[in-house]
Structure formats: C-alpha cells, structure tokens
Amino acid sequence: MRIKRIITFVLTFLIVLSISLLLISFNLKRILVNGVIKETIKTTITVSNFKEGNEIPKVVTDNEEVNKILESKEVEDLMNKYLDKIINNLSSDEEIDEYEIEKDVINFLKENRQEIEDITGKEITNEQIEKTKELYEDNHISHSVEKAIKEAKENMTTKEKTVLKGYSFIISTLFKVLMFILIVINLVLISVINKSYFMWINTLGNSMFMSGLLTTLIALITSLILRGSTGIKTINTNSLIIPSIIVGLIGLVISIVYRVVEYKRSDQNELPEFSEEKQ
C-alpha cells in the first residue's frame, strides 16, 4: 500500500512537471519577444518618426506611439522571424544566413502604412520610405548584424551553445509531443495502479492546478532575476502568467467537479443497501 502511494506520488510529480514544461514550451518565445526584446526597444531604440520634406527620419525614445506599433502582430512576427534565425545561426555549425533587414523593414512600412499613420497621426509618403531605404542601405545594417552574429558565434563557449540548443529543443514541436505523451502514459499508469477508471481525471485536475501555481511562480521569479541582471525596469512575463492562471483554474474546476460527482455516486451506491436493510 505504501509503495503504491509512493509510485502514485512520483507519477503525479512527473505530470505536474510535464504540464509546467508544456506551458513554458508554448510561451517561452513570447516571453523573449514581448517581455525582453520589446521592453528593451521601448526604453532605448524605437520607431522612426517621419518628418516632412526630405529630412532623415529622427529616432525618438519611449512613447505611446511606439508602444502601440510594437504591440502589433506584424512586429511580433518580424521579431519571431529574426529571433529564430539568430538563435539557429548561433547554435548551429553551419554558415551564417543572409539577412535582409532593410528589405523587411521597408516591406513592413509599406504593408502597414495606414496603421502607422493612424497611430502617429502623420502621413508617410513614398519619398520618405525611399529615403529610409537609402539610409538603411548606406549604413549596411544587415551586413553589420551578420558580422556581429559571426563574431558572437566565434566567441561563444560550449555552455552557451548548449543553452541555445536547449532553448530550440524546448520550443520545438517534438518536445511538446513528448511532454503530452508522458502526461498520458503517467495518467494511465496511475489509473491502473490504483485500479480506478476515473482517478486520472482527479489527478489531471490536481496536476493542472499545481502546474499553474508553479509556472506562475517561475514567471515572477524570472522577471525579478532578469530585471536585476539586465537593468531593464519592466520584464513582461504575462505571456506565461496568464496561461498558467487559466490552466490552474481549469484544473481546480476539474477537481471540484470530480469530487462532486464522486460524492453523488457514493450516495447513490449507499441508498439501495439502506433500502434492502429496511425491508
């Protein structure tokens, strides 16, 4: 009996760990993009503020206009693209990919011109876009990024490369599938060991609730650590906190419903026995 409890506890712990890792896997990239990269941009470099005539666009600092543009899906997609590309280049042994930052920025301006104009209240002309394109090309931004990545790759330690490869694996589809399979196997084993067809429901609910608490705590601690080590005043970890709270609440509901159903089932099983004794 004691061995059964120990095994059940270990399997439940593995389920809690697997659900927590799944939450992190689905949201880790969002934390890096929304919580670190965007917050860094908001406090240092921001969007170009177009002026009338042929003047070079002026770089402005943190303001409401910039924040609205940074929160757009298009910007997030662009950041995700380059984040994946940079990490892949740094962690692999292959040659550095060719970067087309100038082209992507200009395409972003063209495709989202109306949205940017609505946010900033300023018209963006074709002439200004061409001026920006020339400015970026003259500064060889893509070449500078490629050079910086190449230098960083040459100076990276084995430990740093291992961390990047670990990140790539954690956010991969394969990792998510493995965690899901592990959760299912452990739930089945718990039901078999305890000889209960429905115990997995209660275990799943409890595990989801504990995983929600655990990952919320991890997100808060991570935010404090990053703020202390990077100097960034605000680290947005809501990308992990909100899903964790939702998963925790769903788990709590599942556990409560299971207990209510079990309570009613136990009452129904006792009633016939009571009636027979009375007869």
C-alpha atoms as a PDB file:
ATOM      1  CA  MET A   1       0.000   0.000   0.000  1.00  0.00           C
ATOM      2  CA  ARG A   2       2.818   2.375   0.885  1.00  0.00           C
ATOM      3  CA  ILE A   3       4.696   1.510  -2.311  1.00  0.00           C
ATOM      4  CA  LYS A   4       1.541   2.244  -4.320  1.00  0.00           C
ATOM      5  CA  ARG A   5       1.283   5.701  -2.753  1.00  0.00           C
ATOM      6  CA  ILE A   6       4.940   6.457  -3.424  1.00  0.00           C
ATOM      7  CA  ILE A   7       4.624   5.413  -7.078  1.00  0.00           C
ATOM      8  CA  THR A   8       1.437   7.467  -7.464  1.00  0.00           C
ATOM      9  CA  PHE A   9       3.172  10.489  -5.918  1.00  0.00           C
ATOM     10  CA  VAL A  10       6.160  10.161  -8.286  1.00  0.00           C
ATOM     11  CA  LEU A  11       3.908   9.792 -11.352  1.00  0.00           C
ATOM     12  CA  THR A  12       1.823  12.803 -10.257  1.00  0.00           C
ATOM     13  CA  PHE A  13       5.004  14.832  -9.792  1.00  0.00           C
ATOM     14  CA  LEU A  14       6.075  13.906 -13.338  1.00  0.00           C
ATOM     15  CA  ILE A  15       2.677  15.036 -14.659  1.00  0.00           C
ATOM     16  CA  VAL A  16       2.968  18.377 -12.840  1.00  0.00           C
ATOM     17  CA  LEU A  17       6.475  18.813 -14.248  1.00  0.00           C
ATOM     18  CA  SER A  18       5.363  17.870 -17.780  1.00  0.00           C
ATOM     19  CA  ILE A  19       2.411  20.299 -17.770  1.00  0.00           C
ATOM     20  CA  SER A  20       4.677  23.066 -16.444  1.00  0.00           C
ATOM     21  CA  LEU A  21       7.232  22.374 -19.182  1.00  0.00           C
ATOM     22  CA  LEU A  22       4.450  22.397 -21.769  1.00  0.00           C
ATOM     23  CA  LEU A  23       3.323  25.820 -20.568  1.00  0.00           C
ATOM     24  CA  ILE A  24       6.900  27.084 -20.754  1.00  0.00           C
ATOM     25  CA  SER A  25       7.406  25.491 -24.176  1.00  0.00           C
ATOM     26  CA  PHE A  26       4.337  27.208 -25.650  1.00  0.00           C
ATOM     27  CA  ASN A  27       5.151  30.615 -24.158  1.00  0.00           C
ATOM     28  CA  LEU A  28       8.947  30.911 -23.826  1.00  0.00           C
ATOM     29  CA  LYS A  29       9.397  32.637 -27.184  1.00  0.00           C
ATOM     30  CA  ARG A  30       6.602  35.097 -26.348  1.00  0.00           C
ATOM     31  CA  ILE A  31       8.385  35.989 -23.111  1.00  0.00           C
ATOM     32  CA  LEU A  32      11.600  36.713 -25.002  1.00  0.00           C
ATOM     33  CA  VAL A  33       9.832  38.768 -27.671  1.00  0.00           C
ATOM     34  CA  ASN A  34       7.184  40.559 -25.587  1.00  0.00           C
ATOM     35  CA  GLY A  35       8.899  40.558 -22.230  1.00  0.00           C
ATOM     36  CA  VAL A  36      12.529  41.253 -23.092  1.00  0.00           C
ATOM     37  CA  ILE A  37      13.059  42.437 -26.684  1.00  0.00           C
ATOM     38  CA  LYS A  38      10.039  44.758 -26.879  1.00  0.00           C
ATOM     39  CA  GLU A  39      10.661  46.205 -23.425  1.00  0.00           C
ATOM     40  CA  THR A  40      14.293  46.856 -24.365  1.00  0.00           C
ATOM     41  CA  ILE A  41      13.201  48.632 -27.538  1.00  0.00           C
ATOM     42  CA  LYS A  42      10.644  50.708 -25.644  1.00  0.00           C
ATOM     43  CA  THR A  43      13.314  52.077 -23.330  1.00  0.00           C
ATOM     44  CA  THR A  44      16.144  52.519 -25.857  1.00  0.00           C
ATOM     45  CA  ILE A  45      15.593  52.440 -29.610  1.00  0.00           C
ATOM     46  CA  THR A  46      12.145  52.983 -31.099  1.00  0.00           C
ATOM     47  CA  VAL A  47      10.428  53.544 -34.385  1.00  0.00           C
ATOM     48  CA  SER A  48      11.489  56.241 -36.843  1.00  0.00           C
ATOM     49  CA  ASN A  49       9.402  59.392 -36.607  1.00  0.00           C
ATOM     50  CA  PHE A  50       8.900  60.664 -40.158  1.00  0.00           C
ATOM     51  CA  LYS A  51       9.220  64.399 -40.727  1.00  0.00           C
ATOM     52  CA  GLU A  52       8.018  66.439 -43.646  1.00  0.00           C
ATOM     53  CA  GLY A  53      10.243  67.032 -46.660  1.00  0.00           C
ATOM     54  CA  ASN A  54      13.422  65.105 -47.324  1.00  0.00           C
ATOM     55  CA  GLU A  55      14.823  65.153 -43.812  1.00  0.00           C
ATOM     56  CA  ILE A  56      16.297  61.951 -42.430  1.00  0.00           C
ATOM     57  CA  PRO A  57      13.851  60.166 -40.102  1.00  0.00           C
ATOM     58  CA  LYS A  58      14.551  61.017 -36.495  1.00  0.00           C
ATOM     59  CA  VAL A  59      14.823  58.274 -33.892  1.00  0.00           C
ATOM     60  CA  VAL A  60      12.686  59.019 -30.855  1.00  0.00           C
ATOM     61  CA  THR A  61      12.580  57.443 -27.413  1.00  0.00           C
ATOM     62  CA  ASP A  62       9.916  55.676 -25.407  1.00  0.00           C
ATOM     63  CA  ASN A  63       6.417  56.988 -26.169  1.00  0.00           C
ATOM     64  CA  GLU A  64       2.835  55.820 -26.576  1.00  0.00           C
ATOM     65  CA  GLU A  65       3.009  55.734 -30.383  1.00  0.00           C
ATOM     66  CA  VAL A  66       5.979  53.381 -30.333  1.00  0.00           C
ATOM     67  CA  ASN A  67       4.314  51.080 -27.803  1.00  0.00           C
ATOM     68  CA  LYS A  68       1.201  50.715 -29.972  1.00  0.00           C
ATOM     69  CA  ILE A  69       3.255  49.836 -33.051  1.00  0.00           C
ATOM     70  CA  LEU A  70       5.349  47.326 -31.092  1.00  0.00           C
ATOM     71  CA  GLU A  71       2.196  45.551 -29.889  1.00  0.00           C
ATOM     72  CA  SER A  72       1.057  44.807 -33.458  1.00  0.00           C
ATOM     73  CA  LYS A  73       1.075  41.208 -34.690  1.00  0.00           C
ATOM     74  CA  GLU A  74       3.189  42.184 -37.695  1.00  0.00           C
ATOM     75  CA  VAL A  75       6.006  43.449 -35.476  1.00  0.00           C
ATOM     76  CA  GLU A  76       5.819  40.324 -33.321  1.00  0.00           C
ATOM     77  CA  ASP A  77       6.014  38.098 -36.427  1.00  0.00           C
ATOM     78  CA  LEU A  78       9.062  40.043 -37.639  1.00  0.00           C
ATOM     79  CA  MET A  79      10.759  39.707 -34.249  1.00  0.00           C
ATOM     80  CA  ASN A  80       9.963  35.991 -34.090  1.00  0.00           C
ATOM     81  CA  LYS A  81      11.476  35.525 -37.533  1.00  0.00           C
ATOM     82  CA  TYR A  82      14.788  37.131 -36.598  1.00  0.00           C
ATOM     83  CA  LEU A  83      14.896  35.610 -33.121  1.00  0.00           C
ATOM     84  CA  ASP A  84      14.606  32.107 -34.626  1.00  0.00           C
ATOM     85  CA  LYS A  85      17.140  32.959 -37.303  1.00  0.00           C
ATOM     86  CA  ILE A  86      19.733  34.423 -34.914  1.00  0.00           C
ATOM     87  CA  ILE A  87      19.450  31.590 -32.376  1.00  0.00           C
ATOM     88  CA  ASN A  88      19.686  28.984 -35.150  1.00  0.00           C
ATOM     89  CA  ASN A  89      22.793  30.693 -36.560  1.00  0.00           C
ATOM     90  CA  LEU A  90      24.463  30.920 -33.173  1.00  0.00           C
ATOM     91  CA  SER A  91      23.723  27.345 -32.098  1.00  0.00           C
ATOM     92  CA  SER A  92      24.448  25.517 -35.375  1.00  0.00           C
ATOM     93  CA  ASP A  93      27.779  24.735 -37.015  1.00  0.00           C
ATOM     94  CA  GLU A  94      26.567  25.940 -40.406  1.00  0.00           C
ATOM     95  CA  GLU A  95      27.390  29.215 -42.130  1.00  0.00           C
ATOM     96  CA  ILE A  96      25.572  32.418 -41.116  1.00  0.00           C
ATOM     97  CA  ASP A  97      22.366  33.031 -43.070  1.00  0.00           C
ATOM     98  CA  GLU A  98      21.980  36.095 -45.217  1.00  0.00           C
ATOM     99  CA  TYR A  99      19.941  38.831 -43.522  1.00  0.00           C
ATOM    100  CA  GLU A 100      17.633  41.253 -45.336  1.00  0.00           C
ATOM    101  CA  ILE A 101      16.677  43.616 -42.535  1.00  0.00           C
ATOM    102  CA  GLU A 102      16.404  46.658 -44.812  1.00  0.00           C
ATOM    103  CA  LYS A 103      14.011  44.832 -47.125  1.00  0.00           C
ATOM    104  CA  ASP A 104      11.862  43.523 -44.252  1.00  0.00           C
ATOM    105  CA  VAL A 105      11.644  46.948 -42.556  1.00  0.00           C
ATOM    106  CA  ILE A 106      10.650  48.682 -45.787  1.00  0.00           C
ATOM    107  CA  ASN A 107       8.071  45.988 -46.564  1.00  0.00           C
ATOM    108  CA  PHE A 108       6.698  46.407 -43.043  1.00  0.00           C
ATOM    109  CA  LEU A 109       6.359  50.173 -43.576  1.00  0.00           C
ATOM    110  CA  LYS A 110       4.636  49.693 -46.940  1.00  0.00           C
ATOM    111  CA  GLU A 111       2.258  46.966 -45.785  1.00  0.00           C
ATOM    112  CA  ASN A 112       1.341  48.715 -42.524  1.00  0.00           C
ATOM    113  CA  ARG A 113       1.494  52.325 -43.698  1.00  0.00           C
ATOM    114  CA  GLN A 114      -2.145  53.090 -42.926  1.00  0.00           C
ATOM    115  CA  GLU A 115      -1.961  51.587 -39.440  1.00  0.00           C
ATOM    116  CA  ILE A 116       1.214  53.548 -38.610  1.00  0.00           C
ATOM    117  CA  GLU A 117      -0.325  56.747 -39.966  1.00  0.00           C
ATOM    118  CA  ASP A 118      -3.422  56.218 -37.809  1.00  0.00           C
ATOM    119  CA  ILE A 119      -1.265  55.672 -34.711  1.00  0.00           C
ATOM    120  CA  THR A 120       1.171  58.554 -35.279  1.00  0.00           C
ATOM    121  CA  GLY A 121      -1.248  60.950 -36.978  1.00  0.00           C
ATOM    122  CA  LYS A 122       1.385  61.655 -39.662  1.00  0.00           C
ATOM    123  CA  GLU A 123       1.407  60.839 -43.344  1.00  0.00           C
ATOM    124  CA  ILE A 124       4.110  58.514 -44.658  1.00  0.00           C
ATOM    125  CA  THR A 125       4.912  59.291 -48.296  1.00  0.00           C
ATOM    126  CA  ASN A 126       6.659  57.072 -50.855  1.00  0.00           C
ATOM    127  CA  GLU A 127       9.504  59.583 -50.900  1.00  0.00           C
ATOM    128  CA  GLN A 128      10.037  59.179 -47.150  1.00  0.00           C
ATOM    129  CA  ILE A 129      10.019  55.386 -47.450  1.00  0.00           C
ATOM    130  CA  GLU A 130      12.635  55.553 -50.216  1.00  0.00           C
ATOM    131  CA  LYS A 131      14.717  57.931 -48.098  1.00  0.00           C
ATOM    132  CA  THR A 132      14.554  55.468 -45.212  1.00  0.00           C
ATOM    133  CA  LYS A 133      15.538  52.609 -47.530  1.00  0.00           C
ATOM    134  CA  GLU A 134      18.577  54.545 -48.764  1.00  0.00           C
ATOM    135  CA  LEU A 135      19.542  55.421 -45.186  1.00  0.00           C
ATOM    136  CA  TYR A 136      19.413  51.781 -44.079  1.00  0.00           C
ATOM    137  CA  GLU A 137      21.304  50.565 -47.135  1.00  0.00           C
ATOM    138  CA  ASP A 138      24.010  53.220 -46.704  1.00  0.00           C
ATOM    139  CA  ASN A 139      24.501  52.082 -43.099  1.00  0.00           C
ATOM    140  CA  HIS A 140      24.727  48.409 -44.186  1.00  0.00           C
ATOM    141  CA  ILE A 141      22.570  47.277 -41.255  1.00  0.00           C
ATOM    142  CA  SER A 142      22.186  43.679 -42.467  1.00  0.00           C
ATOM    143  CA  HIS A 143      25.927  43.351 -43.025  1.00  0.00           C
ATOM    144  CA  SER A 144      26.612  44.751 -39.554  1.00  0.00           C
ATOM    145  CA  VAL A 145      24.179  42.252 -37.978  1.00  0.00           C
ATOM    146  CA  GLU A 146      25.732  39.339 -39.882  1.00  0.00           C
ATOM    147  CA  LYS A 147      29.191  40.435 -38.780  1.00  0.00           C
ATOM    148  CA  ALA A 148      28.091  40.789 -35.141  1.00  0.00           C
ATOM    149  CA  ILE A 149      26.491  37.321 -35.176  1.00  0.00           C
ATOM    150  CA  LYS A 150      29.586  35.796 -36.739  1.00  0.00           C
ATOM    151  CA  GLU A 151      31.831  37.360 -34.086  1.00  0.00           C
ATOM    152  CA  ALA A 152      29.478  36.294 -31.289  1.00  0.00           C
ATOM    153  CA  LYS A 153      29.392  32.750 -32.665  1.00  0.00           C
ATOM    154  CA  GLU A 154      33.193  32.543 -32.786  1.00  0.00           C
ATOM    155  CA  ASN A 155      33.468  33.731 -29.168  1.00  0.00           C
ATOM    156  CA  MET A 156      30.654  31.569 -27.762  1.00  0.00           C
ATOM    157  CA  THR A 157      31.524  28.937 -25.189  1.00  0.00           C
ATOM    158  CA  THR A 158      30.299  25.340 -25.397  1.00  0.00           C
ATOM    159  CA  LYS A 159      27.989  26.002 -22.442  1.00  0.00           C
ATOM    160  CA  GLU A 160      26.369  28.981 -24.194  1.00  0.00           C
ATOM    161  CA  LYS A 161      25.785  26.943 -27.355  1.00  0.00           C
ATOM    162  CA  THR A 162      24.251  24.148 -25.255  1.00  0.00           C
ATOM    163  CA  VAL A 163      21.837  26.661 -23.681  1.00  0.00           C
ATOM    164  CA  LEU A 164      20.736  27.895 -27.124  1.00  0.00           C
ATOM    165  CA  LYS A 165      20.267  24.338 -28.401  1.00  0.00           C
ATOM    166  CA  GLY A 166      18.280  23.562 -25.266  1.00  0.00           C
ATOM    167  CA  TYR A 167      16.040  26.578 -25.929  1.00  0.00           C
ATOM    168  CA  SER A 168      15.453  25.446 -29.524  1.00  0.00           C
ATOM    169  CA  PHE A 169      14.521  21.948 -28.331  1.00  0.00           C
ATOM    170  CA  ILE A 170      12.173  23.186 -25.590  1.00  0.00           C
ATOM    171  CA  ILE A 171      10.122  25.297 -28.021  1.00  0.00           C
ATOM    172  CA  SER A 172      10.097  22.559 -30.697  1.00  0.00           C
ATOM    173  CA  THR A 173       7.018  20.529 -31.681  1.00  0.00           C
ATOM    174  CA  LEU A 174       8.873  17.316 -30.810  1.00  0.00           C
ATOM    175  CA  PHE A 175       9.310  18.446 -27.196  1.00  0.00           C
ATOM    176  CA  LYS A 176       5.616  19.345 -26.897  1.00  0.00           C
ATOM    177  CA  VAL A 177       4.588  15.936 -28.273  1.00  0.00           C
ATOM    178  CA  LEU A 178       6.948  14.123 -25.873  1.00  0.00           C
ATOM    179  CA  MET A 179       5.532  16.001 -22.870  1.00  0.00           C
ATOM    180  CA  PHE A 180       1.961  15.260 -23.956  1.00  0.00           C
ATOM    181  CA  ILE A 181       2.746  11.536 -24.365  1.00  0.00           C
ATOM    182  CA  LEU A 182       4.441  11.480 -20.954  1.00  0.00           C
ATOM    183  CA  ILE A 183       1.346  13.033 -19.331  1.00  0.00           C
ATOM    184  CA  VAL A 184      -0.990  10.467 -20.943  1.00  0.00           C
ATOM    185  CA  ILE A 185       1.226   7.495 -20.009  1.00  0.00           C
ATOM    186  CA  ASN A 186       1.513   8.624 -16.382  1.00  0.00           C
ATOM    187  CA  LEU A 187      -2.244   9.180 -16.090  1.00  0.00           C
ATOM    188  CA  VAL A 188      -2.907   5.674 -17.442  1.00  0.00           C
ATOM    189  CA  LEU A 189      -0.347   4.158 -15.047  1.00  0.00           C
ATOM    190  CA  ILE A 190      -1.959   5.917 -12.067  1.00  0.00           C
ATOM    191  CA  SER A 191      -5.384   4.560 -13.022  1.00  0.00           C
ATOM    192  CA  VAL A 192      -4.017   1.027 -13.483  1.00  0.00           C
ATOM    193  CA  ILE A 193      -2.002   1.021 -10.237  1.00  0.00           C
ATOM    194  CA  ASN A 194      -4.950   2.321  -8.204  1.00  0.00           C
ATOM    195  CA  LYS A 195      -7.469   0.144 -10.108  1.00  0.00           C
ATOM    196  CA  SER A 196      -9.704   3.123 -10.837  1.00  0.00           C
ATOM    197  CA  TYR A 197     -11.003   4.049 -14.297  1.00  0.00           C
ATOM    198  CA  PHE A 198     -11.745   7.657 -13.304  1.00  0.00           C
ATOM    199  CA  MET A 199      -8.891   8.534 -10.925  1.00  0.00           C
ATOM    200  CA  TRP A 200      -6.928  10.027 -13.825  1.00  0.00           C
ATOM    201  CA  ILE A 201      -9.483  12.861 -14.018  1.00  0.00           C
ATOM    202  CA  ASN A 202      -8.843  13.919 -10.423  1.00  0.00           C
ATOM    203  CA  THR A 203      -5.071  13.526 -10.908  1.00  0.00           C
ATOM    204  CA  LEU A 204      -5.177  15.653 -14.050  1.00  0.00           C
ATOM    205  CA  GLY A 205      -7.171  18.385 -12.304  1.00  0.00           C
ATOM    206  CA  ASN A 206      -4.855  18.487  -9.295  1.00  0.00           C
ATOM    207  CA  SER A 207      -1.764  18.427 -11.530  1.00  0.00           C
ATOM    208  CA  MET A 208      -3.042  21.279 -13.693  1.00  0.00           C
ATOM    209  CA  PHE A 209      -3.780  23.351 -10.605  1.00  0.00           C
ATOM    210  CA  MET A 210      -0.308  22.745  -9.137  1.00  0.00           C
ATOM    211  CA  SER A 211       1.365  23.359 -12.512  1.00  0.00           C
ATOM    212  CA  GLY A 212      -0.466  26.661 -12.843  1.00  0.00           C
ATOM    213  CA  LEU A 213       0.829  27.769  -9.437  1.00  0.00           C
ATOM    214  CA  LEU A 214       4.354  26.528 -10.185  1.00  0.00           C
ATOM    215  CA  THR A 215       4.731  28.243 -13.574  1.00  0.00           C
ATOM    216  CA  THR A 216       3.207  31.485 -12.244  1.00  0.00           C
ATOM    217  CA  LEU A 217       5.839  31.448  -9.508  1.00  0.00           C
ATOM    218  CA  ILE A 218       8.575  30.681 -12.064  1.00  0.00           C
ATOM    219  CA  ALA A 219       7.429  33.604 -14.232  1.00  0.00           C
ATOM    220  CA  LEU A 220       7.514  36.044 -11.299  1.00  0.00           C
ATOM    221  CA  ILE A 221      10.945  34.868 -10.119  1.00  0.00           C
ATOM    222  CA  THR A 222      12.305  35.006 -13.693  1.00  0.00           C
ATOM    223  CA  SER A 223      11.066  38.577 -14.015  1.00  0.00           C
ATOM    224  CA  LEU A 224      12.872  39.601 -10.813  1.00  0.00           C
ATOM    225  CA  ILE A 225      16.106  37.878 -11.868  1.00  0.00           C
ATOM    226  CA  LEU A 226      16.101  39.429 -15.359  1.00  0.00           C
ATOM    227  CA  ARG A 227      15.360  42.885 -14.000  1.00  0.00           C
ATOM    228  CA  GLY A 228      18.281  42.582 -11.619  1.00  0.00           C
ATOM    229  CA  SER A 229      20.722  41.188 -14.187  1.00  0.00           C
ATOM    230  CA  THR A 230      19.773  43.169 -17.318  1.00  0.00           C
ATOM    231  CA  GLY A 231      18.837  46.552 -15.863  1.00  0.00           C
ATOM    232  CA  ILE A 232      15.517  46.560 -17.759  1.00  0.00           C
ATOM    233  CA  LYS A 233      12.923  48.164 -15.490  1.00  0.00           C
ATOM    234  CA  THR A 234       9.976  46.096 -16.749  1.00  0.00           C
ATOM    235  CA  ILE A 235      10.073  42.459 -17.841  1.00  0.00           C
ATOM    236  CA  ASN A 236       6.687  41.429 -19.202  1.00  0.00           C
ATOM    237  CA  THR A 237       6.087  37.781 -18.235  1.00  0.00           C
ATOM    238  CA  ASN A 238       2.314  37.935 -18.734  1.00  0.00           C
ATOM    239  CA  SER A 239       2.767  35.614 -21.735  1.00  0.00           C
ATOM    240  CA  LEU A 240       3.414  32.837 -19.206  1.00  0.00           C
ATOM    241  CA  ILE A 241       1.489  34.095 -16.167  1.00  0.00           C
ATOM    242  CA  ILE A 242      -1.912  34.401 -17.883  1.00  0.00           C
ATOM    243  CA  PRO A 243      -1.896  30.893 -19.481  1.00  0.00           C
ATOM    244  CA  SER A 244      -0.634  29.457 -16.172  1.00  0.00           C
ATOM    245  CA  ILE A 245      -3.504  31.032 -14.233  1.00  0.00           C
ATOM    246  CA  ILE A 246      -6.002  29.762 -16.823  1.00  0.00           C
ATOM    247  CA  VAL A 247      -4.597  26.216 -16.657  1.00  0.00           C
ATOM    248  CA  GLY A 248      -4.631  26.360 -12.843  1.00  0.00           C
ATOM    249  CA  LEU A 249      -8.269  27.482 -12.760  1.00  0.00           C
ATOM    250  CA  ILE A 250      -9.304  24.786 -15.255  1.00  0.00           C
ATOM    251  CA  GLY A 251      -7.555  22.215 -13.085  1.00  0.00           C
ATOM    252  CA  LEU A 252      -9.347  23.496  -9.999  1.00  0.00           C
ATOM    253  CA  VAL A 253     -12.729  23.244 -11.755  1.00  0.00           C
ATOM    254  CA  ILE A 254     -11.958  19.686 -12.915  1.00  0.00           C
ATOM    255  CA  SER A 255     -11.021  18.637  -9.372  1.00  0.00           C
ATOM    256  CA  ILE A 256     -14.156  20.208  -7.843  1.00  0.00           C
ATOM    257  CA  VAL A 257     -16.446  18.630 -10.464  1.00  0.00           C
ATOM    258  CA  TYR A 258     -14.782  15.238  -9.919  1.00  0.00           C
ATOM    259  CA  ARG A 259     -15.320  15.426  -6.154  1.00  0.00           C
ATOM    260  CA  VAL A 260     -18.956  16.473  -6.554  1.00  0.00           C
ATOM    261  CA  VAL A 261     -19.643  13.617  -8.993  1.00  0.00           C
ATOM    262  CA  GLU A 262     -17.856  11.100  -6.757  1.00  0.00           C
ATOM    263  CA  TYR A 263     -19.822  12.307  -3.737  1.00  0.00           C
ATOM    264  CA  LYS A 264     -23.126  11.845  -5.578  1.00  0.00           C
ATOM    265  CA  ARG A 265     -22.052   8.412  -6.861  1.00  0.00           C
ATOM    266  CA  SER A 266     -21.157   7.267  -3.339  1.00  0.00           C
ATOM    267  CA  ASP A 267     -24.567   8.464  -2.065  1.00  0.00           C
ATOM    268  CA  GLN A 268     -26.388   6.545  -4.812  1.00  0.00           C
ATOM    269  CA  ASN A 269     -24.454   3.380  -4.044  1.00  0.00           C
ATOM    270  CA  GLU A 270     -25.387   3.562  -0.367  1.00  0.00           C
ATOM    271  CA  LEU A 271     -29.131   4.135  -0.900  1.00  0.00           C
ATOM    272  CA  PRO A 272     -30.008   0.676  -2.284  1.00  0.00           C
ATOM    273  CA  GLU A 273     -28.198  -1.037   0.573  1.00  0.00           C
ATOM    274  CA  PHE A 274     -30.144   1.098   3.088  1.00  0.00           C
ATOM    275  CA  SER A 275     -33.446   0.239   1.412  1.00  0.00           C
ATOM    276  CA  GLU A 276     -32.758  -3.506   1.439  1.00  0.00           C
ATOM    277  CA  GLU A 277     -31.895  -3.473   5.133  1.00  0.00           C
ATOM    278  CA  LYS A 278     -35.119  -1.639   5.876  1.00  0.00           C
ATOM    279  CA  GLN A 279     -37.158  -4.272   4.058  1.00  0.00           C
END
